[in-house]
Amino acid sequence: MADSTAPPPKTESVSKPKTGGLLNWLKRYSVPLAILLVAAGLIFVLSRNWTTWASDRAEQTTDDAFLRADVTPLSTKVAGLVASVPVADYQTVKAGDLLVRLRDEDFRAQVEQAEAALAASESGLVNNQRQKDLQDAKVRQAETGIRATETEISAAEAGIAAANSAMANAKSGIAGTEADVQRTALERKRQEALVAAESGTRQRLEQATADEQRLRAQLASRESDIASAGALLASRQADLKRAKVRVESSGDEAEAQKRQRMVLDSQELLLHADVSAKRAALSLAKTNLDYTRIVAPEDGIVGERKVRPGQLVSPGTQVLSLVQQDVWVQANYRETQLRHIHAGDLAEIRIDAFPGVVFKGKVAQIAPASGSQFALLPPDNATGNFTKVAQRVPVKIVLDQFPKTQDRLRPGLSVVATVRSGSGDGR
């Protein structure tokens, strides 16, 4: 019986200590637990709203800002020896002032050589034009010869026609004369027979003999006319052949002269191209000569001189730097500060070199990318571990004119820039 009743009292003694231990644990750890919960809540709220709180501020300030100005490194374009450096370090210069001069004897000789080549090429073009004028005269002369020969052909053809007509007339006259000769010959024989028979008179015989001789002379004259007409016809035909040969020769000569004229036209095109090339060479030589004088492209201040007289320089050698006097502020704001900053917002600038002086300015531009994107080696977060870092974006702030200190502002001076977001008309 004693063994069976022992467990109940033991159960009661175990349950009481459990309830008391929980209360004691809550009393002991309630404060640290509450602090932990509050801290977790603060961390959650700050992590979710800190960026919004920072970007909503009316004034955005950064000390990551500097004065900037355009710095132009001036270099040589041609090789040569430095003849003079007529400026001193940190000297103020105007646009067009001579900064560095190289020895230019070689370049002047190249200019003179190019001018001589251009003059020779232009003389060749003038000579070609004169040859063309001469060739035009030859063409006109050949064409005139063709026309003259054609006139001779026409005259020869007319002479042939006249000779043919004369021959036809002579032939027609011969037929009648031959008949008269035969008739008078018969009449003479009849009169001779009558005289022999003492039936006729000698006077009639002499008359018949004279008629026969006269008609035979006429017949001989007609035959001579036919021979003359034949000779004239042959001469006119020969003249016609010679004229046709000459007109063909003159045509060939005119064609040859025209072809030679075309050759001169082609040569003129080549000469024009050569003149253009020589002019380009002369322009290049003059340009290289101009490169021996390095002048200030605009107003500014000379930096340190990198060359001295007598120094040999090659293309690309930096001789000095020219700093412009137009200074502005480059303020590198965090990306969380740019939400309400726009071009035209007013800015206050405090330069460390001028303590107590507040410069006024205005936001001109905001860079199209963060500064890291313009670095020589832009970051690539696509591989490896990643730690988020707030990026900075350059903001250009132009200063209002301060005549008393404007010429004392130098690029690189440290600046604290404060922009009043929404204060300008850029929104």
Protein backbone atom coordinates (compact mmCIF):
# COMPACT_ATOMS: atom_id res chain seq x y z
CA MET A 1 0.00 0.00 0.00
CA ALA A 2 2.82 2.39 0.77
CA ASP A 3 4.23 1.92 -2.75
CA SER A 4 0.94 2.65 -4.53
CA THR A 5 0.20 5.92 -2.66
CA ALA A 6 3.70 7.45 -3.05
CA PRO A 7 3.42 8.93 -6.66
CA PRO A 8 0.57 11.48 -6.13
CA PRO A 9 2.48 13.69 -3.66
CA LYS A 10 5.46 13.55 -6.04
CA THR A 11 3.34 14.88 -9.00
CA GLU A 12 2.16 17.91 -7.03
CA SER A 13 5.68 18.82 -5.99
CA VAL A 14 6.88 18.77 -9.69
CA SER A 15 4.06 20.96 -11.21
CA LYS A 16 4.52 23.86 -8.80
CA PRO A 17 8.16 24.44 -9.56
CA LYS A 18 7.39 24.59 -13.45
CA THR A 19 4.86 27.43 -13.07
CA GLY A 20 7.13 29.38 -10.80
CA GLY A 21 10.13 28.93 -13.18
CA LEU A 22 8.21 30.42 -16.19
CA LEU A 23 7.27 33.49 -14.21
CA ASN A 24 10.78 33.89 -12.99
CA TRP A 25 12.10 33.55 -16.59
CA LEU A 26 9.66 36.19 -17.83
CA LYS A 27 10.61 38.57 -15.05
CA ARG A 28 14.28 37.98 -15.74
CA TYR A 29 14.24 38.39 -19.58
CA SER A 30 11.28 40.75 -20.22
CA VAL A 31 13.42 43.92 -20.30
CA PRO A 32 16.08 42.59 -22.69
CA LEU A 33 13.34 41.12 -24.87
CA ALA A 34 11.53 44.47 -25.01
CA ILE A 35 14.77 46.26 -25.91
CA LEU A 36 15.45 43.73 -28.65
CA LEU A 37 11.98 44.19 -30.12
CA VAL A 38 12.29 48.00 -30.05
CA ALA A 39 15.71 47.80 -31.71
CA ALA A 40 14.37 45.46 -34.39
CA GLY A 41 11.50 47.84 -35.00
CA LEU A 42 13.84 50.82 -35.32
CA ILE A 43 16.08 48.92 -37.68
CA PHE A 44 13.08 47.96 -39.81
CA VAL A 45 11.72 51.51 -39.90
CA LEU A 46 15.09 53.09 -40.64
CA SER A 47 15.96 50.60 -43.32
CA ARG A 48 12.64 51.13 -45.05
CA ASN A 49 12.33 54.94 -44.71
CA TRP A 50 15.84 56.36 -44.21
CA THR A 51 16.36 56.99 -47.91
CA THR A 52 13.01 58.76 -48.19
CA TRP A 53 13.78 60.91 -45.18
CA ALA A 54 17.17 61.90 -46.57
CA SER A 55 15.91 62.70 -50.09
CA ASP A 56 12.96 64.78 -48.81
CA ARG A 57 15.16 67.33 -47.08
CA ALA A 58 14.81 70.85 -48.52
CA GLU A 59 18.56 71.45 -48.38
CA GLN A 60 20.98 68.92 -49.71
CA THR A 61 24.58 69.44 -48.64
CA THR A 62 27.78 67.68 -49.60
CA ASP A 63 31.43 68.34 -48.93
CA ASP A 64 32.44 66.09 -51.81
CA ALA A 65 32.66 69.10 -54.09
CA PHE A 66 35.43 70.99 -55.86
CA LEU A 67 35.95 73.95 -58.14
CA ARG A 68 36.38 72.93 -61.77
CA ALA A 69 37.43 74.64 -64.98
CA ASP A 70 38.30 73.55 -68.50
CA VAL A 71 41.96 72.59 -68.63
CA THR A 72 43.23 72.24 -72.19
CA PRO A 73 46.50 70.33 -72.69
CA LEU A 74 48.20 71.89 -75.71
CA SER A 75 50.36 69.55 -77.77
CA THR A 76 52.42 69.70 -80.92
CA LYS A 77 51.09 68.47 -84.24
CA VAL A 78 54.43 68.30 -86.05
CA ALA A 79 57.97 67.38 -85.08
CA GLY A 80 60.67 70.00 -84.75
CA LEU A 81 62.94 72.02 -82.51
CA VAL A 82 61.46 74.54 -80.09
CA ALA A 83 62.54 78.01 -81.16
CA SER A 84 61.01 80.04 -78.33
CA VAL A 85 58.51 79.90 -75.48
CA PRO A 86 57.40 83.54 -75.13
CA VAL A 87 55.17 82.97 -72.08
CA ALA A 88 55.94 82.33 -68.43
CA ASP A 89 54.41 79.89 -65.99
CA TYR A 90 50.99 80.96 -64.67
CA GLN A 91 50.80 83.88 -67.09
CA THR A 92 47.41 85.19 -68.17
CA VAL A 93 47.01 85.11 -71.95
CA LYS A 94 44.42 86.13 -74.51
CA ALA A 95 43.06 84.09 -77.39
CA GLY A 96 45.56 84.11 -80.26
CA ASP A 97 48.63 84.88 -78.13
CA LEU A 98 51.74 82.96 -79.17
CA LEU A 99 52.66 80.31 -76.60
CA VAL A 100 55.30 78.15 -78.29
CA ARG A 101 57.08 78.54 -81.64
CA LEU A 102 58.97 75.79 -83.45
CA ARG A 103 61.71 76.32 -86.00
CA ASP A 104 59.95 76.52 -89.37
CA GLU A 105 62.73 76.52 -92.02
CA ASP A 106 61.85 73.02 -93.23
CA PHE A 107 58.14 73.81 -93.35
CA ARG A 108 58.70 77.07 -95.25
CA ALA A 109 60.78 75.15 -97.79
CA GLN A 110 57.96 72.65 -98.16
CA VAL A 111 55.54 75.51 -98.77
CA GLU A 112 57.79 76.99 -101.44
CA GLN A 113 58.20 73.57 -103.04
CA ALA A 114 54.43 73.07 -103.07
CA GLU A 115 53.93 76.56 -104.57
CA ALA A 116 56.46 75.77 -107.34
CA ALA A 117 54.73 72.46 -108.08
CA LEU A 118 51.36 74.22 -108.22
CA ALA A 119 52.75 76.87 -110.58
CA ALA A 120 54.17 74.17 -112.87
CA SER A 121 50.87 72.33 -112.88
CA GLU A 122 48.94 75.52 -113.67
CA SER A 123 51.42 76.28 -116.48
CA GLY A 124 50.76 72.82 -117.90
CA LEU A 125 47.05 73.61 -117.83
CA VAL A 126 47.63 76.89 -119.68
CA ASN A 127 49.83 75.10 -122.23
CA ASN A 128 47.11 72.52 -122.73
CA GLN A 129 44.59 75.29 -123.37
CA ARG A 130 46.89 76.83 -125.98
CA GLN A 131 47.33 73.45 -127.65
CA LYS A 132 43.56 73.11 -127.72
CA ASP A 133 43.26 76.51 -129.40
CA LEU A 134 45.88 75.46 -131.96
CA GLN A 135 44.09 72.17 -132.49
CA ASP A 136 40.80 73.98 -133.00
CA ALA A 137 42.49 76.07 -135.70
CA LYS A 138 43.76 72.90 -137.37
CA VAL A 139 40.28 71.40 -137.25
CA ARG A 140 38.81 74.54 -138.80
CA GLN A 141 41.53 74.51 -141.47
CA ALA A 142 40.78 70.86 -142.29
CA GLU A 143 37.08 71.58 -142.48
CA THR A 144 37.79 74.58 -144.76
CA GLY A 145 39.91 72.30 -146.98
CA ILE A 146 37.01 69.86 -147.14
CA ARG A 147 34.65 72.59 -148.23
CA ALA A 148 37.16 73.88 -150.83
CA THR A 149 37.66 70.39 -152.21
CA GLU A 150 33.91 69.88 -152.36
CA THR A 151 33.76 73.08 -154.41
CA GLU A 152 36.41 71.67 -156.73
CA ILE A 153 34.37 68.49 -157.06
CA SER A 154 31.34 70.54 -158.03
CA ALA A 155 33.43 72.48 -160.58
CA ALA A 156 34.88 69.26 -161.99
CA GLU A 157 31.45 67.73 -162.29
CA ALA A 158 30.23 70.89 -164.05
CA GLY A 159 33.26 70.72 -166.40
CA ILE A 160 32.51 67.11 -167.17
CA ALA A 161 28.94 68.01 -167.99
CA ALA A 162 30.13 70.84 -170.26
CA ALA A 163 32.68 68.55 -171.97
CA ASN A 164 30.02 65.91 -172.55
CA SER A 165 27.76 68.59 -174.03
CA ALA A 166 30.53 69.88 -176.31
CA MET A 167 31.33 66.37 -177.44
CA ALA A 168 27.70 65.70 -178.19
CA ASN A 169 27.47 68.92 -180.21
CA ALA A 170 30.69 68.05 -182.08
CA LYS A 171 29.43 64.57 -182.84
CA SER A 172 26.13 65.86 -184.12
CA GLY A 173 27.96 68.37 -186.39
CA ILE A 174 30.29 65.68 -187.79
CA ALA A 175 27.40 63.63 -189.19
CA GLY A 176 26.12 66.57 -191.27
CA THR A 177 29.60 67.60 -192.37
CA GLU A 178 30.49 64.07 -193.50
CA ALA A 179 27.37 64.00 -195.68
CA ASP A 180 28.31 67.34 -197.23
CA VAL A 181 31.87 66.10 -197.80
CA GLN A 182 30.59 63.02 -199.61
CA ARG A 183 28.19 65.11 -201.70
CA THR A 184 30.91 67.63 -202.68
CA ALA A 185 33.32 64.82 -203.45
CA LEU A 186 30.82 63.28 -205.85
CA GLU A 187 30.12 66.71 -207.33
CA ARG A 188 33.85 67.27 -207.88
CA LYS A 189 34.22 63.90 -209.62
CA ARG A 190 31.23 64.64 -211.81
CA GLN A 191 32.64 68.03 -212.75
CA GLU A 192 36.03 66.47 -213.49
CA ALA A 193 34.32 63.97 -215.83
CA LEU A 194 32.42 66.77 -217.53
CA VAL A 195 35.57 68.83 -217.94
CA ALA A 196 37.37 65.81 -219.37
CA ALA A 197 34.49 65.36 -221.85
CA GLU A 198 34.60 69.07 -222.53
CA SER A 199 30.99 69.26 -221.39
CA GLY A 200 31.54 71.32 -218.30
CA THR A 201 33.36 74.41 -217.33
CA ARG A 202 36.51 74.60 -215.33
CA GLN A 203 34.92 77.18 -213.11
CA ARG A 204 32.30 74.72 -211.94
CA LEU A 205 35.05 72.18 -211.31
CA GLU A 206 37.02 74.64 -209.25
CA GLN A 207 33.87 75.56 -207.34
CA ALA A 208 33.13 71.90 -206.57
CA THR A 209 36.76 71.31 -205.56
CA ALA A 210 36.69 74.33 -203.24
CA ASP A 211 33.41 73.19 -201.66
CA GLU A 212 34.85 69.74 -201.05
CA GLN A 213 38.01 71.11 -199.49
CA ARG A 214 36.05 73.55 -197.38
CA LEU A 215 33.74 70.83 -196.05
CA ARG A 216 36.65 68.48 -195.46
CA ALA A 217 38.29 71.25 -193.42
CA GLN A 218 35.06 71.65 -191.47
CA LEU A 219 34.98 67.90 -190.90
CA ALA A 220 38.57 67.96 -189.65
CA SER A 221 37.64 70.85 -187.36
CA ARG A 222 34.66 68.92 -186.03
CA GLU A 223 36.84 65.90 -185.39
CA SER A 224 39.38 68.16 -183.70
CA ASP A 225 36.58 69.56 -181.52
CA ILE A 226 35.59 66.02 -180.56
CA ALA A 227 39.20 65.25 -179.63
CA SER A 228 39.43 68.47 -177.62
CA ALA A 229 36.13 67.71 -175.91
CA GLY A 230 37.37 64.20 -175.14
CA ALA A 231 40.62 65.56 -173.74
CA LEU A 232 38.69 68.15 -171.69
CA LEU A 233 36.34 65.43 -170.43
CA ALA A 234 39.27 63.25 -169.44
CA SER A 235 40.88 66.23 -167.68
CA ARG A 236 37.68 67.06 -165.81
CA GLN A 237 37.26 63.41 -164.82
CA ALA A 238 40.85 63.38 -163.56
CA ASP A 239 40.17 66.60 -161.64
CA LEU A 240 37.08 64.98 -160.13
CA LYS A 241 39.05 61.96 -158.99
CA ARG A 242 41.77 64.12 -157.50
CA ALA A 243 39.18 66.27 -155.73
CA LYS A 244 37.47 63.20 -154.30
CA VAL A 245 40.83 61.90 -153.08
CA ARG A 246 41.60 65.27 -151.51
CA VAL A 247 38.20 65.52 -149.82
CA GLU A 248 38.66 62.02 -148.39
CA SER A 249 42.15 62.95 -147.22
CA SER A 250 40.87 66.21 -145.76
CA GLY A 251 38.10 64.30 -143.98
CA ASP A 252 40.62 61.91 -142.49
CA GLU A 253 42.79 64.86 -141.46
CA ALA A 254 39.83 66.62 -139.84
CA GLU A 255 38.89 63.44 -137.98
CA ALA A 256 42.47 63.01 -136.78
CA GLN A 257 42.55 66.64 -135.58
CA LYS A 258 39.26 66.17 -133.75
CA ARG A 259 40.56 63.04 -132.07
CA GLN A 260 43.68 64.93 -131.04
CA ARG A 261 41.36 67.60 -129.61
CA MET A 262 39.61 64.91 -127.58
CA VAL A 263 42.99 63.74 -126.29
CA LEU A 264 43.73 67.28 -125.17
CA ASP A 265 40.35 67.38 -123.39
CA SER A 266 41.26 64.21 -121.50
CA GLN A 267 44.65 65.67 -120.66
CA GLU A 268 42.90 68.79 -119.38
CA LEU A 269 40.90 66.70 -116.92
CA LEU A 270 44.11 65.10 -115.69
CA LEU A 271 45.77 68.48 -115.42
CA HIS A 272 42.82 69.87 -113.45
CA ALA A 273 43.07 66.92 -111.08
CA ASP A 274 46.81 67.48 -110.78
CA VAL A 275 46.26 71.18 -110.04
CA SER A 276 43.74 70.24 -107.33
CA ALA A 277 46.23 67.79 -105.84
CA LYS A 278 48.98 70.42 -105.90
CA ARG A 279 46.70 72.95 -104.25
CA ALA A 280 45.81 70.42 -101.55
CA ALA A 281 49.54 69.75 -101.04
CA LEU A 282 50.17 73.48 -100.75
CA SER A 283 47.32 73.84 -98.27
CA LEU A 284 48.74 70.94 -96.25
CA ALA A 285 52.22 72.51 -96.30
CA LYS A 286 50.80 75.83 -95.11
CA THR A 287 48.82 74.06 -92.42
CA ASN A 288 51.95 72.28 -91.20
CA LEU A 289 53.71 75.64 -91.21
CA ASP A 290 50.91 77.06 -89.05
CA TYR A 291 51.37 74.14 -86.66
CA THR A 292 54.84 75.47 -85.84
CA ARG A 293 53.09 78.30 -83.96
CA ILE A 294 51.06 77.11 -80.98
CA VAL A 295 48.68 79.88 -79.93
CA ALA A 296 46.14 80.19 -77.16
CA PRO A 297 42.77 78.90 -78.41
CA GLU A 298 40.96 81.15 -75.90
CA ASP A 299 41.54 83.34 -72.88
CA GLY A 300 43.05 81.63 -69.87
CA ILE A 301 46.05 81.09 -67.62
CA VAL A 302 49.12 79.15 -68.64
CA GLY A 303 50.11 76.24 -66.44
CA GLU A 304 53.64 74.93 -66.10
CA ARG A 305 55.67 74.95 -69.30
CA LYS A 306 56.77 71.48 -70.33
CA VAL A 307 59.26 72.48 -73.06
CA ARG A 308 62.18 74.86 -73.45
CA PRO A 309 63.96 76.42 -76.46
CA GLY A 310 66.15 73.93 -78.30
CA GLN A 311 64.13 70.92 -77.18
CA LEU A 312 63.19 68.38 -79.85
CA VAL A 313 59.49 67.60 -79.80
CA SER A 314 57.47 65.02 -81.70
CA PRO A 315 53.78 65.00 -82.63
CA GLY A 316 51.70 64.70 -79.48
CA THR A 317 54.29 66.21 -77.12
CA GLN A 318 52.46 68.27 -74.48
CA VAL A 319 54.00 71.74 -74.27
CA LEU A 320 51.77 73.29 -71.59
CA SER A 321 48.23 73.40 -70.24
CA LEU A 322 45.80 76.30 -70.56
CA VAL A 323 43.33 76.80 -67.72
CA GLN A 324 40.19 78.76 -68.49
CA GLN A 325 39.04 81.42 -66.06
CA ASP A 326 35.40 80.33 -66.23
CA VAL A 327 35.13 78.32 -62.96
CA TRP A 328 32.19 76.23 -61.77
CA VAL A 329 31.49 73.75 -58.98
CA GLN A 330 31.28 70.01 -59.36
CA ALA A 331 29.34 68.65 -56.39
CA ASN A 332 29.20 64.87 -56.11
CA TYR A 333 25.88 64.15 -54.40
CA ARG A 334 24.80 60.74 -53.21
CA GLU A 335 22.10 59.14 -55.28
CA THR A 336 19.76 59.36 -52.29
CA GLN A 337 20.00 63.17 -52.35
CA LEU A 338 19.00 63.77 -55.95
CA ARG A 339 15.29 63.09 -55.78
CA HIS A 340 14.22 66.76 -55.68
CA ILE A 341 17.29 68.45 -57.20
CA HIS A 342 16.67 69.95 -60.62
CA ALA A 343 18.46 72.29 -62.99
CA GLY A 344 17.83 75.87 -61.93
CA ASP A 345 17.76 75.23 -58.16
CA LEU A 346 19.62 77.82 -56.10
CA ALA A 347 22.81 76.85 -54.31
CA GLU A 348 25.11 78.23 -51.64
CA ILE A 349 28.80 77.59 -51.99
CA ARG A 350 31.37 77.81 -49.22
CA ILE A 351 34.97 77.59 -50.36
CA ASP A 352 37.56 76.53 -47.85
CA ALA A 353 40.02 79.08 -49.22
CA PHE A 354 37.58 81.92 -48.41
CA PRO A 355 36.18 81.21 -44.92
CA GLY A 356 33.08 83.19 -44.05
CA VAL A 357 32.28 84.03 -47.69
CA VAL A 358 29.11 82.52 -49.11
CA PHE A 359 28.97 82.33 -52.88
CA LYS A 360 25.69 82.11 -54.70
CA GLY A 361 25.08 79.80 -57.61
CA LYS A 362 22.57 77.78 -59.53
CA VAL A 363 22.35 74.15 -60.60
CA ALA A 364 23.20 74.04 -64.31
CA GLN A 365 23.21 70.34 -65.12
CA ILE A 366 23.09 66.91 -63.56
CA ALA A 367 25.44 64.30 -64.96
CA PRO A 368 23.80 61.62 -67.15
CA ALA A 369 25.47 58.84 -65.13
CA SER A 370 27.16 58.29 -61.81
CA GLY A 371 30.83 59.07 -61.45
CA SER A 372 31.76 55.38 -61.37
CA GLN A 373 30.51 54.98 -64.95
CA PHE A 374 33.10 57.48 -66.17
CA ALA A 375 35.96 55.77 -64.36
CA LEU A 376 38.76 54.12 -66.31
CA LEU A 377 37.57 50.72 -65.04
CA PRO A 378 33.82 50.89 -64.34
CA PRO A 379 32.71 48.50 -61.58
CA ASP A 380 31.15 45.19 -62.58
CA ASN A 381 28.99 43.69 -59.82
CA ALA A 382 27.75 40.75 -61.86
CA THR A 383 30.26 38.33 -60.29
CA GLY A 384 31.54 37.59 -56.81
CA ASN A 385 30.28 39.06 -53.57
CA PHE A 386 28.39 42.33 -53.64
CA THR A 387 28.25 45.14 -51.12
CA LYS A 388 25.85 47.94 -51.86
CA VAL A 389 27.51 51.36 -51.83
CA ALA A 390 25.66 54.61 -52.39
CA GLN A 391 26.74 56.01 -55.74
CA ARG A 392 27.57 59.66 -56.29
CA VAL A 393 26.35 61.68 -59.27
CA PRO A 394 28.18 64.87 -60.33
CA VAL A 395 26.07 68.04 -60.28
CA LYS A 396 27.36 71.14 -62.10
CA ILE A 397 26.75 74.40 -60.25
CA VAL A 398 27.56 77.69 -61.94
CA LEU A 399 28.58 80.60 -59.73
CA ASP A 400 27.26 84.11 -59.79
CA GLN A 401 29.86 86.74 -60.62
CA PHE A 402 31.98 87.95 -57.73
CA PRO A 403 34.30 90.61 -59.18
CA LYS A 404 36.45 90.82 -56.06
CA THR A 405 37.29 87.14 -55.89
CA GLN A 406 36.51 85.87 -59.36
CA ASP A 407 40.13 86.01 -60.54
CA ARG A 408 41.30 84.24 -57.36
CA LEU A 409 39.19 81.13 -57.79
CA ARG A 410 41.24 78.16 -58.88
CA PRO A 411 40.14 74.72 -60.05
CA GLY A 412 40.58 72.00 -57.45
CA LEU A 413 39.71 74.07 -54.35
CA SER A 414 37.55 72.24 -51.82
CA VAL A 415 33.92 73.32 -51.58
CA VAL A 416 30.88 72.66 -49.40
CA ALA A 417 27.82 72.89 -51.63
CA THR A 418 24.25 73.27 -50.42
CA VAL A 419 21.38 73.08 -52.90
CA ARG A 420 17.89 74.27 -52.01
CA SER A 421 15.71 71.81 -53.84
CA GLY A 422 12.67 73.28 -55.52
CA SER A 423 13.97 76.87 -55.22
CA GLY A 424 14.47 77.40 -58.92
CA ASP A 425 12.44 77.20 -62.08
CA GLY A 426 13.94 73.90 -63.23
CA ARG A 427 11.03 71.83 -61.98
